[in-house]
Structure formats: structure tokens, C-alpha cells
């Protein structure tokens, strides 16, 4: 079968249904929605490394978005990249493979081979240098740098990815099965919508859940330090960000519709598995944290996962505890590869996709993060001392070097729990019963 994986950038499970109407109609309603889908680390690079390797961060050793944190470093390239699922798909299963979009945050860094480095496993490689952008970026086109400017019709990255993907489907070999991974910048900052969508969702604001703009008492010090109630300017800022994020997703919705239609015209849709997911969630005002991810709460670790394909009945939901470390094993299983030959921590979702009865499944899953922080104190927030980073106005800092934690997330017929320990002086612990307290 053909396999197509769409990866969003920082898309929370709370906010994808409305802007992605066509995606929901073409993937979710034609297949299965996993309502308990998680990431083992709520940050781009560690999470993407988990998707590619099928491993937890403590096994692939990508701990944050920096080269020092092993994000796209020489060490990653040498030890993990040759064993990613696309490398196995291409070498062992005879797949032609296509990548377009954001790979890892430090991809293209001079100290790690620049954009000339094409990871093993990809027949066609169109990767963004560094982090998400919509205009004024560089792509590695099979190892050669291609600059893009700010002319909407030729440079808007979501549309460029759509056109490259359509070209691949038009001209690929029909003698080999295909795998495509399309990693859109949306809805990551700088949230630049296409010009035709700048007026959409004018009356939308961030969801006012019960934990919105509430003091995070009894939580780790980093959460407790957020100012509550938030200033009007902070609330306006996060509402504005939320709206723009939705606007950027409208172009993703168009991209997905174009590709599904193309597969249908080619007569390949019925023999293609299509996945849609995100690398992490996102918060907008929960516990008075303006906007970011990298916390241990549901809004940051829970992501959408939609799948359609051969043998998957339409309009299903599945409540099993699944994770992005399962994507690699699932895709290799679809391609007929023996999973016993891999070192992956994840499990194949194929039995769940097919609706097999009596599947033994996990009830526990690990969440882990290693905080980032600078030795110096933030000049705008000297009161917080050294070790904080990603600080907003009003001195609300979203990360610190001791925002380092490990959690067990438990979900079964009888339990819905989370237990977390921080690696700090207090060995701070947070425990939640999400049946009684869904908003933690």
C-alpha cells in the first residue's frame, strides 16, 4: 500500500476540528480517530525524533531543540538516523520515499553538515532549514539550497509543499510503493496566514476552559510564578495568536484536500493509508501561561491522530492509549517489515486500525522532558534569577533548566492517572486523577 503521513507543528487536540473541516471529512470520517493520542515529550525536536525512531527520548537522546540537546546533531546523524523507519522502508521494503517540510529544528545548521546533509532513507528530500517559517526561508532540495522570498504565489511554504507533493504523485515510479511525509509549518509561530484567509475567524478567541487564566497553585514553581490574573495585553496577545493559528490551518486543509483528490484521480486512494497528527500540543492561557508547550499537562502532550486506509472502517473512534512512538512500527508493519528486527519502543497500531478483537494493549506511557535555561538571568526579569528562558512580558517564563521531569500517564478501563517527578532540589511531585479532575 501507499502511505501518506501529515505532521502538523504544535497543534493541540483542543483546536483542530473547526479549521480543518476538509481534513476531518476526508480522513477522520473515512477512518478512525484516536481520542487518547500522546507525545512522549511536548517539544518539536524530541517529539519528531520519537516519530522517526519509534523510541522514547531517553533512548534517542534528543532532549530539546538545540544542537547541544542532540537536535539534528552529528551524533544523532551517526547513531539514530540510519535506523529511522524511513531508512528501513527504503532499504528493506523497497519503498520510494518523499519528505517535504520541517524536519528537525536544527536541521541545516553549519556545525551539523548544513543543508547538504540528506538523511538516509529519503529518495526525494525537500526539507526546511531550521524552524518553521512561511516566507523568506531556505529549502534543502536533495541537498542543494533553494532560497524563497515573500511572494505569496511562489513562496508561501504550505502551498509550496502542496505543489511539490502533487508533483511527486504525478511523476513517481509506479513500480515501487510510496511513502510520503509532509510536515507543514502550520500552526507554529510566526502564524502567517495566506492573504485570502486573514479575515477568517475574526470573532474566535482561545478556549476559556476551567483552567484558563487560573493560578497554578500546588504546581511546580515555574507554573506558580505566572501572574494571575493575566494582563489584558497578554490575553489579547494569546487570543490573537489563537486566531492566526487557525487561519494558517486553512491552507493545510487545502493541501490535504488536493492530495486526497490527486490520489483518487490516480486510482490509488483505496490502497493508501493516510495519517494526520502533530508533534506536540500547545497552551494558550491555561494556568495563566500565555503561549508555549513543554509542560506535562494534557493540553501540551495530547495530540490529534486520524487514520484512514485499506481495511479501516469509517467514522470510528478508539480510546486506547497510543503515542507517536507507535507511528514508525505501524508504518513498517503496513509495509510488511518484521518489527522484531527493530529497537523501537512503540507498538504497531495495525491491529487497532483493522478492528481486531482481543488486542492486548498498554495502559501506561512515559512523558519526559529536559528543561532549557541560561546561566545568566533574564534582564527583563532579574527577580526570577538565573536559569529561566522563553520569558514573556510580565515576566512569565515558559521554561527553566529545572523544568525537567518524568511522568507515567496511565489510562485503562478503570484508571485515568498521571504521576510526575521533577529532577530538581525538592524532587517536586504532581499527581492527577483525571477522572475527577480532567483539567488538572
Protein backbone atom coordinates (compact mmCIF):
# COMPACT_ATOMS: atom_id res chain seq x y z
CA UNK A 1 0.00 0.00 0.00
CA UNK A 2 0.89 3.68 -0.34
CA UNK A 3 1.44 5.57 2.92
CA UNK A 4 0.98 9.29 3.47
CA UNK A 5 1.74 10.99 6.82
CA UNK A 6 0.87 14.62 7.56
CA UNK A 7 2.60 16.19 10.55
CA UNK A 8 1.33 19.49 11.98
CA UNK A 9 3.56 21.71 14.10
CA UNK A 10 2.32 22.40 17.67
CA UNK A 11 -1.35 21.56 17.11
CA UNK A 12 -3.34 20.89 20.24
CA UNK A 13 -6.13 18.34 20.27
CA UNK A 14 -8.42 21.09 21.57
CA UNK A 15 -8.26 23.22 18.46
CA UNK A 16 -8.04 21.27 15.22
CA UNK A 17 -11.65 20.36 14.42
CA UNK A 18 -13.03 23.73 13.30
CA UNK A 19 -10.32 24.99 10.89
CA UNK A 20 -9.62 21.54 9.42
CA UNK A 21 -13.12 20.76 8.12
CA UNK A 22 -11.98 19.04 4.91
CA UNK A 23 -9.30 17.06 6.76
CA UNK A 24 -11.91 15.78 9.20
CA UNK A 25 -14.25 14.85 6.35
CA UNK A 26 -11.55 13.16 4.26
CA UNK A 27 -9.56 11.38 7.00
CA UNK A 28 -11.45 11.18 10.32
CA UNK A 29 -14.91 10.46 8.88
CA UNK A 30 -13.44 7.97 6.41
CA UNK A 31 -11.41 6.22 9.10
CA UNK A 32 -10.51 6.26 12.76
CA UNK A 33 -9.86 8.98 15.35
CA UNK A 34 -7.65 8.07 18.29
CA UNK A 35 -9.02 10.15 21.15
CA UNK A 36 -6.14 9.32 23.54
CA UNK A 37 -3.07 10.02 21.42
CA UNK A 38 0.02 11.39 23.19
CA UNK A 39 3.60 12.52 22.63
CA UNK A 40 6.43 11.43 24.95
CA UNK A 41 7.88 14.95 25.01
CA UNK A 42 5.92 18.18 24.39
CA UNK A 43 8.56 19.84 22.23
CA UNK A 44 9.24 19.77 18.47
CA UNK A 45 12.66 18.15 18.16
CA UNK A 46 12.42 15.39 20.81
CA UNK A 47 8.92 14.53 19.60
CA UNK A 48 9.89 14.41 15.90
CA UNK A 49 12.88 12.24 16.81
CA UNK A 50 10.44 9.89 18.59
CA UNK A 51 8.27 9.67 15.47
CA UNK A 52 11.26 8.87 13.24
CA UNK A 53 12.93 6.35 15.58
CA UNK A 54 9.89 4.86 17.35
CA UNK A 55 11.80 5.47 20.60
CA UNK A 56 11.34 7.39 23.83
CA UNK A 57 13.63 10.43 24.29
CA UNK A 58 15.72 8.58 26.91
CA UNK A 59 16.62 6.12 24.13
CA UNK A 60 17.18 8.50 21.19
CA UNK A 61 18.80 11.16 23.42
CA UNK A 62 17.27 14.19 21.68
CA UNK A 63 16.31 16.22 24.74
CA UNK A 64 15.47 19.70 23.43
CA UNK A 65 15.56 21.95 20.35
CA UNK A 66 19.30 22.78 20.48
CA UNK A 67 22.33 21.16 18.82
CA UNK A 68 23.71 20.59 22.35
CA UNK A 69 20.43 18.85 23.13
CA UNK A 70 21.20 16.47 20.20
CA UNK A 71 18.66 18.06 17.82
CA UNK A 72 19.90 17.10 14.32
CA UNK A 73 23.45 16.91 15.69
CA UNK A 74 26.34 14.89 14.20
CA UNK A 75 25.75 12.31 16.94
CA UNK A 76 22.05 11.97 16.02
CA UNK A 77 23.02 11.64 12.35
CA UNK A 78 25.52 8.89 13.13
CA UNK A 79 23.68 6.84 15.78
CA UNK A 80 19.92 7.26 15.18
CA UNK A 81 19.28 8.43 11.61
CA UNK A 82 20.38 5.22 9.84
CA UNK A 83 17.74 3.26 11.84
CA UNK A 84 14.71 5.53 11.42
CA UNK A 85 11.60 3.94 9.95
CA UNK A 86 12.00 5.75 6.55
CA UNK A 87 15.55 4.32 6.26
CA UNK A 88 14.17 0.82 6.84
CA UNK A 89 11.21 1.42 4.48
CA UNK A 90 13.53 2.40 1.66
CA UNK A 91 16.34 -0.13 2.23
CA UNK A 92 14.33 -3.17 3.35
CA UNK A 93 10.80 -2.74 1.95
CA UNK A 94 11.55 -1.22 -1.47
CA UNK A 95 9.57 1.99 -0.88
CA UNK A 96 10.27 5.24 -2.73
CA UNK A 97 10.18 7.90 -0.03
CA UNK A 98 9.37 11.61 -0.12
CA UNK A 99 9.86 14.23 2.58
CA UNK A 100 8.70 17.85 2.42
CA UNK A 101 8.62 20.46 5.18
CA UNK A 102 10.06 20.93 8.65
CA UNK A 103 12.35 18.08 9.70
CA UNK A 104 14.18 18.90 12.95
CA UNK A 105 14.65 22.41 14.40
CA UNK A 106 18.43 22.47 13.93
CA UNK A 107 18.43 20.73 10.53
CA UNK A 108 20.77 22.62 8.19
CA UNK A 109 22.96 24.01 10.99
CA UNK A 110 26.52 24.62 9.77
CA UNK A 111 28.00 22.54 12.61
CA UNK A 112 25.94 19.55 11.53
CA UNK A 113 26.62 19.43 7.80
CA UNK A 114 24.37 22.27 6.62
CA UNK A 115 21.56 21.70 4.11
CA UNK A 116 23.88 19.42 2.12
CA UNK A 117 23.12 16.64 4.62
CA UNK A 118 20.30 14.43 3.32
CA UNK A 119 19.36 11.83 5.95
CA UNK A 120 19.43 8.17 4.86
CA UNK A 121 16.05 6.82 3.81
CA UNK A 122 14.76 9.59 1.58
CA UNK A 123 14.54 9.27 -2.21
CA UNK A 124 13.20 12.84 -2.54
CA UNK A 125 14.14 15.46 0.05
CA UNK A 126 12.64 18.96 0.37
CA UNK A 127 13.47 19.98 3.92
CA UNK A 128 13.21 23.36 5.59
CA UNK A 129 16.40 24.80 7.04
CA UNK A 130 15.87 25.23 10.81
CA UNK A 131 12.49 26.13 12.33
CA UNK A 132 9.02 26.93 10.96
CA UNK A 133 8.58 29.88 8.61
CA UNK A 134 6.06 30.76 5.92
CA UNK A 135 8.17 33.18 3.83
CA UNK A 136 11.90 34.01 3.47
CA UNK A 137 13.27 30.54 4.09
CA UNK A 138 15.75 28.09 2.58
CA UNK A 139 14.86 24.55 1.49
CA UNK A 140 17.32 21.71 1.02
CA UNK A 141 16.26 20.27 -2.34
CA UNK A 142 18.01 16.89 -2.31
CA UNK A 143 20.98 18.57 -0.61
CA UNK A 144 21.06 21.81 -2.64
CA UNK A 145 20.00 25.10 -1.05
CA UNK A 146 17.00 26.85 -2.61
CA UNK A 147 16.04 30.30 -1.29
CA UNK A 148 12.44 31.51 -1.16
CA UNK A 149 11.28 35.11 -0.68
CA UNK A 150 7.94 36.66 0.20
CA UNK A 151 5.86 36.50 -2.96
CA UNK A 152 2.68 34.64 -1.95
CA UNK A 153 2.10 32.79 -5.21
CA UNK A 154 5.56 31.20 -5.35
CA UNK A 155 6.87 31.28 -1.77
CA UNK A 156 4.11 30.58 0.78
CA UNK A 157 5.55 27.43 2.33
CA UNK A 158 2.32 25.46 2.90
CA UNK A 159 1.40 25.91 -0.78
CA UNK A 160 4.96 25.13 -1.94
CA UNK A 161 4.76 21.83 -0.01
CA UNK A 162 1.40 21.08 -1.64
CA UNK A 163 2.79 21.66 -5.14
CA UNK A 164 5.92 19.56 -4.54
CA UNK A 165 3.78 16.75 -3.15
CA UNK A 166 1.40 16.84 -6.13
CA UNK A 167 4.42 16.73 -8.47
CA UNK A 168 5.75 13.67 -6.67
CA UNK A 169 2.39 11.87 -7.01
CA UNK A 170 2.29 12.82 -10.70
CA UNK A 171 5.80 11.66 -11.64
CA UNK A 172 6.75 8.92 -9.12
CA UNK A 173 7.53 5.38 -10.22
CA UNK A 174 4.52 3.09 -10.43
CA UNK A 175 6.76 0.04 -9.91
CA UNK A 176 7.52 0.76 -6.24
CA UNK A 177 5.16 1.55 -3.37
CA UNK A 178 5.45 5.09 -1.97
CA UNK A 179 5.75 6.74 1.43
CA UNK A 180 5.29 10.49 1.83
CA UNK A 181 5.80 12.62 4.92
CA UNK A 182 4.57 16.21 4.70
CA UNK A 183 5.45 18.35 7.72
CA UNK A 184 3.73 21.73 7.41
CA UNK A 185 4.92 24.76 9.38
CA UNK A 186 1.34 25.49 10.46
CA UNK A 187 0.15 26.29 13.03
CA UNK A 188 3.57 27.16 14.54
CA UNK A 189 4.64 30.78 15.01
CA UNK A 190 5.08 33.22 13.25
CA UNK A 191 1.46 32.27 12.31
CA UNK A 192 1.45 33.96 8.91
CA UNK A 193 -1.83 33.11 7.17
CA UNK A 194 -2.28 33.11 3.41
CA UNK A 195 -3.63 36.51 2.27
CA UNK A 196 -7.05 35.08 1.36
CA UNK A 197 -7.52 33.82 4.94
CA UNK A 198 -6.53 36.87 7.00
CA UNK A 199 -10.18 37.82 7.62
CA UNK A 200 -11.35 34.38 8.81
CA UNK A 201 -12.30 33.58 12.43
CA UNK A 202 -12.47 37.27 13.40
CA UNK A 203 -14.65 36.50 16.43
CA UNK A 204 -12.69 33.48 17.64
CA UNK A 205 -10.74 33.58 20.89
CA UNK A 206 -8.78 30.95 22.82
CA UNK A 207 -10.98 28.43 24.68
CA UNK A 208 -11.94 29.55 28.18
CA UNK A 209 -11.68 26.15 29.86
CA UNK A 210 -11.89 25.85 33.64
CA UNK A 211 -8.08 26.09 33.86
CA UNK A 212 -7.84 29.24 31.70
CA UNK A 213 -6.23 32.20 33.50
CA UNK A 214 -6.24 30.32 36.81
CA UNK A 215 -3.35 30.35 39.27
CA UNK A 216 -1.44 27.05 39.09
CA UNK A 217 -1.29 26.60 42.85
CA UNK A 218 0.29 23.38 44.19
CA UNK A 219 2.21 23.07 40.91
CA UNK A 220 5.92 23.23 40.09
CA UNK A 221 7.42 26.67 40.84
CA UNK A 222 7.65 27.54 37.11
CA UNK A 223 3.85 27.28 36.80
CA UNK A 224 3.22 29.03 40.12
CA UNK A 225 5.26 32.10 39.06
CA UNK A 226 2.82 33.02 36.26
CA UNK A 227 0.94 36.25 37.05
CA UNK A 228 -2.76 35.67 37.73
CA UNK A 229 -5.00 37.18 36.56
CA UNK A 230 -3.16 37.81 33.30
CA UNK A 231 -2.84 41.35 31.99
CA UNK A 232 -5.30 42.44 29.28
CA UNK A 233 -2.38 42.76 26.85
CA UNK A 234 -1.34 39.13 27.46
CA UNK A 235 -4.89 37.88 26.90
CA UNK A 236 -5.21 39.96 23.73
CA UNK A 237 -1.85 38.58 22.53
CA UNK A 238 -2.82 34.92 23.07
CA UNK A 239 -6.29 35.38 21.55
CA UNK A 240 -4.68 36.96 18.51
CA UNK A 241 -2.19 34.09 18.26
CA UNK A 242 -5.00 31.53 18.54
CA UNK A 243 -6.92 33.18 15.68
CA UNK A 244 -3.86 33.39 13.41
CA UNK A 245 -3.02 29.76 14.12
CA UNK A 246 -6.48 28.76 12.89
CA UNK A 247 -6.03 30.95 9.79
CA UNK A 248 -2.74 29.18 8.91
CA UNK A 249 -4.50 25.81 9.17
CA UNK A 250 -6.92 26.69 6.36
CA UNK A 251 -4.04 26.33 3.88
CA UNK A 252 -3.15 22.94 5.41
CA UNK A 253 -6.78 21.91 4.90
CA UNK A 254 -6.47 22.89 1.22
CA UNK A 255 -3.20 20.92 0.87
CA UNK A 256 -4.77 17.76 2.29
CA UNK A 257 -7.82 18.06 0.07
CA UNK A 258 -5.61 18.47 -3.05
CA UNK A 259 -3.53 15.39 -2.22
CA UNK A 260 -6.50 13.16 -1.40
CA UNK A 261 -8.17 14.22 -4.68
CA UNK A 262 -4.94 13.51 -6.57
CA UNK A 263 -4.74 10.00 -5.09
CA UNK A 264 -8.37 9.47 -6.08
CA UNK A 265 -7.74 10.62 -9.68
CA UNK A 266 -4.67 8.33 -9.82
CA UNK A 267 -6.80 5.39 -8.63
CA UNK A 268 -4.55 4.97 -5.58
CA UNK A 269 -6.72 6.28 -2.75
CA UNK A 270 -8.25 2.92 -1.80
CA UNK A 271 -4.79 1.41 -1.39
CA UNK A 272 -3.25 4.26 0.63
CA UNK A 273 -3.02 4.72 4.40
CA UNK A 274 -3.25 8.39 5.42
CA UNK A 275 -2.17 9.63 8.87
CA UNK A 276 -2.69 13.09 10.35
CA UNK A 277 -1.05 14.08 13.65
CA UNK A 278 1.05 16.74 15.39
CA UNK A 279 4.43 16.84 17.14
CA UNK A 280 3.03 18.33 20.36
CA UNK A 281 0.14 20.27 21.83
CA UNK A 282 0.04 23.94 22.79
CA UNK A 283 -1.31 26.07 25.60
CA UNK A 284 -2.99 29.45 25.33
CA UNK A 285 -3.63 30.88 28.78
CA UNK A 286 -4.07 27.68 30.82
CA UNK A 287 -2.72 28.27 34.36
CA UNK A 288 -2.00 31.83 33.15
CA UNK A 289 0.84 30.67 30.88
CA UNK A 290 0.48 32.83 27.74
CA UNK A 291 1.59 30.57 24.85
CA UNK A 292 4.03 27.70 24.53
CA UNK A 293 4.26 23.93 25.11
CA UNK A 294 6.88 21.80 27.03
CA UNK A 295 4.71 21.30 30.13
CA UNK A 296 3.44 17.95 31.42
CA UNK A 297 -0.29 18.75 31.17
CA UNK A 298 -2.85 17.29 28.77
CA UNK A 299 -3.07 20.43 26.64
CA UNK A 300 0.65 20.07 25.77
CA UNK A 301 1.09 16.28 25.50
CA UNK A 302 -2.19 15.23 23.84
CA UNK A 303 -2.41 15.49 20.03
CA UNK A 304 -4.84 14.61 17.23
CA UNK A 305 -4.31 11.29 15.43
CA UNK A 306 -6.55 10.49 12.44
CA UNK A 307 -6.02 7.50 10.14
CA UNK A 308 -7.81 6.16 7.06
CA UNK A 309 -6.80 3.34 4.75
CA UNK A 310 -7.50 -0.16 3.43
CA UNK A 311 -9.49 -2.26 5.90
CA UNK A 312 -10.24 0.67 8.24
CA UNK A 313 -13.97 1.14 8.78
CA UNK A 314 -15.22 4.74 8.54
CA UNK A 315 -16.32 7.00 11.37
CA UNK A 316 -14.68 5.14 14.24
CA UNK A 317 -13.16 6.39 17.47
CA UNK A 318 -10.65 4.42 19.50
CA UNK A 319 -9.93 5.03 23.19
CA UNK A 320 -6.69 3.03 23.51
CA UNK A 321 -3.61 4.82 24.86
CA UNK A 322 -1.49 5.44 21.76
CA UNK A 323 1.62 7.52 21.21
CA UNK A 324 3.75 8.94 18.43
CA UNK A 325 6.38 6.21 19.08
CA UNK A 326 3.76 3.88 17.54
CA UNK A 327 3.80 5.56 14.10
CA UNK A 328 7.12 4.06 12.94
CA UNK A 329 6.21 0.48 13.96
CA UNK A 330 2.74 0.88 12.39
CA UNK A 331 4.11 2.09 9.05
CA UNK A 332 6.78 -0.66 8.96
CA UNK A 333 4.08 -3.23 9.82
CA UNK A 334 1.91 -1.95 6.93
CA UNK A 335 4.95 -2.39 4.66
CA UNK A 336 5.44 -5.98 5.87
CA UNK A 337 8.65 -5.45 7.86
CA UNK A 338 9.40 -7.73 10.85
CA UNK A 339 9.18 -5.44 13.89
CA UNK A 340 11.26 -7.87 15.98
CA UNK A 341 14.26 -6.67 13.97
CA UNK A 342 13.89 -3.09 15.27
CA UNK A 343 14.85 -1.47 18.58
CA UNK A 344 11.62 0.55 18.71
CA UNK A 345 9.71 1.24 21.94
CA UNK A 346 6.37 1.75 20.16
CA UNK A 347 3.74 -0.79 19.11
CA UNK A 348 2.05 -1.27 15.74
CA UNK A 349 -1.44 0.23 15.60
CA UNK A 350 -2.38 -2.06 12.72
CA UNK A 351 -4.46 -4.47 14.87
CA UNK A 352 -6.41 -1.47 16.24
CA UNK A 353 -6.83 0.00 12.74
CA UNK A 354 -8.25 -3.30 11.48
CA UNK A 355 -10.52 -3.63 14.49
CA UNK A 356 -9.01 -6.94 15.63
CA UNK A 357 -10.76 -8.33 18.70
CA UNK A 358 -8.90 -9.19 21.93
CA UNK A 359 -5.86 -6.98 21.26
CA UNK A 360 -3.58 -6.74 24.31
CA UNK A 361 -2.67 -3.09 24.70
CA UNK A 362 -0.66 -0.85 27.01
CA UNK A 363 -2.15 1.01 29.96
CA UNK A 364 0.93 3.15 30.71
CA UNK A 365 3.14 5.50 28.77
CA UNK A 366 6.13 7.72 29.64
CA UNK A 367 6.35 11.50 29.30
CA UNK A 368 9.76 13.12 29.75
CA UNK A 369 11.39 16.49 29.25
CA UNK A 370 14.73 18.12 29.98
CA UNK A 371 14.31 21.85 30.63
CA UNK A 372 16.28 24.56 28.87
CA UNK A 373 17.69 27.54 30.74
CA UNK A 374 20.51 30.07 30.56
CA UNK A 375 23.17 30.66 33.20
CA UNK A 376 22.56 34.41 33.17
CA UNK A 377 19.33 35.90 34.47
CA UNK A 378 16.84 37.41 32.03
CA UNK A 379 17.46 41.20 32.03
CA UNK A 380 13.71 41.88 31.84
CA UNK A 381 13.05 39.58 34.82
CA UNK A 382 16.03 39.80 37.20
CA UNK A 383 13.81 38.78 40.12
CA UNK A 384 13.46 35.26 38.76
CA UNK A 385 17.21 34.60 38.96
CA UNK A 386 19.33 32.58 36.54
CA UNK A 387 18.17 29.51 34.64
CA UNK A 388 14.92 30.72 33.03
CA UNK A 389 14.14 31.10 29.34
CA UNK A 390 11.29 31.92 26.89
CA UNK A 391 10.10 34.82 29.04
CA UNK A 392 7.07 36.90 28.05
CA UNK A 393 6.11 40.40 29.06
CA UNK A 394 5.03 40.46 32.72
CA UNK A 395 7.97 38.09 33.42
CA UNK A 396 6.09 34.90 32.74
CA UNK A 397 8.81 32.42 31.78
CA UNK A 398 7.78 29.25 29.98
CA UNK A 399 10.88 27.15 30.69
CA UNK A 400 13.82 26.70 33.04
CA UNK A 401 16.70 24.26 33.36
CA UNK A 402 14.97 22.54 36.31
CA UNK A 403 11.69 22.20 34.41
CA UNK A 404 12.98 18.64 33.96
CA UNK A 405 10.52 15.88 34.69
CA UNK A 406 9.43 12.32 34.03
CA UNK A 407 5.80 11.17 34.18
CA UNK A 408 3.81 7.98 33.88
CA UNK A 409 0.48 8.53 32.13
CA UNK A 410 -1.93 5.68 32.94
CA UNK A 411 -5.14 5.05 31.04
CA UNK A 412 -7.27 1.92 31.23
CA UNK A 413 -10.89 0.95 31.74
CA UNK A 414 -10.57 1.68 35.44
CA UNK A 415 -7.82 4.34 35.74
CA UNK A 416 -7.06 7.76 34.25
CA UNK A 417 -3.99 8.99 36.11
CA UNK A 418 -0.73 10.91 35.79
CA UNK A 419 2.25 10.75 38.14
CA UNK A 420 5.19 13.15 37.61
CA UNK A 421 8.51 13.74 39.37
CA UNK A 422 10.74 16.74 38.77
CA UNK A 423 14.51 16.48 38.72
CA UNK A 424 15.07 19.48 40.98
CA UNK A 425 16.18 20.11 44.55
CA UNK A 426 12.74 19.41 46.00
CA UNK A 427 12.09 16.35 43.80
CA UNK A 428 8.72 18.02 43.30
CA UNK A 429 5.83 15.62 42.58
CA UNK A 430 2.50 16.21 40.82
CA UNK A 431 -0.21 13.55 40.71
CA UNK A 432 -3.57 13.82 38.94
CA UNK A 433 -6.70 11.73 38.81
CA UNK A 434 -8.14 12.89 35.52
CA UNK A 435 -11.47 11.16 36.06
CA UNK A 436 -12.17 13.52 38.96
CA UNK A 437 -10.10 16.44 37.63
CA UNK A 438 -9.91 16.43 33.82
CA UNK A 439 -8.42 19.94 33.69
CA UNK A 440 -5.70 19.04 36.22
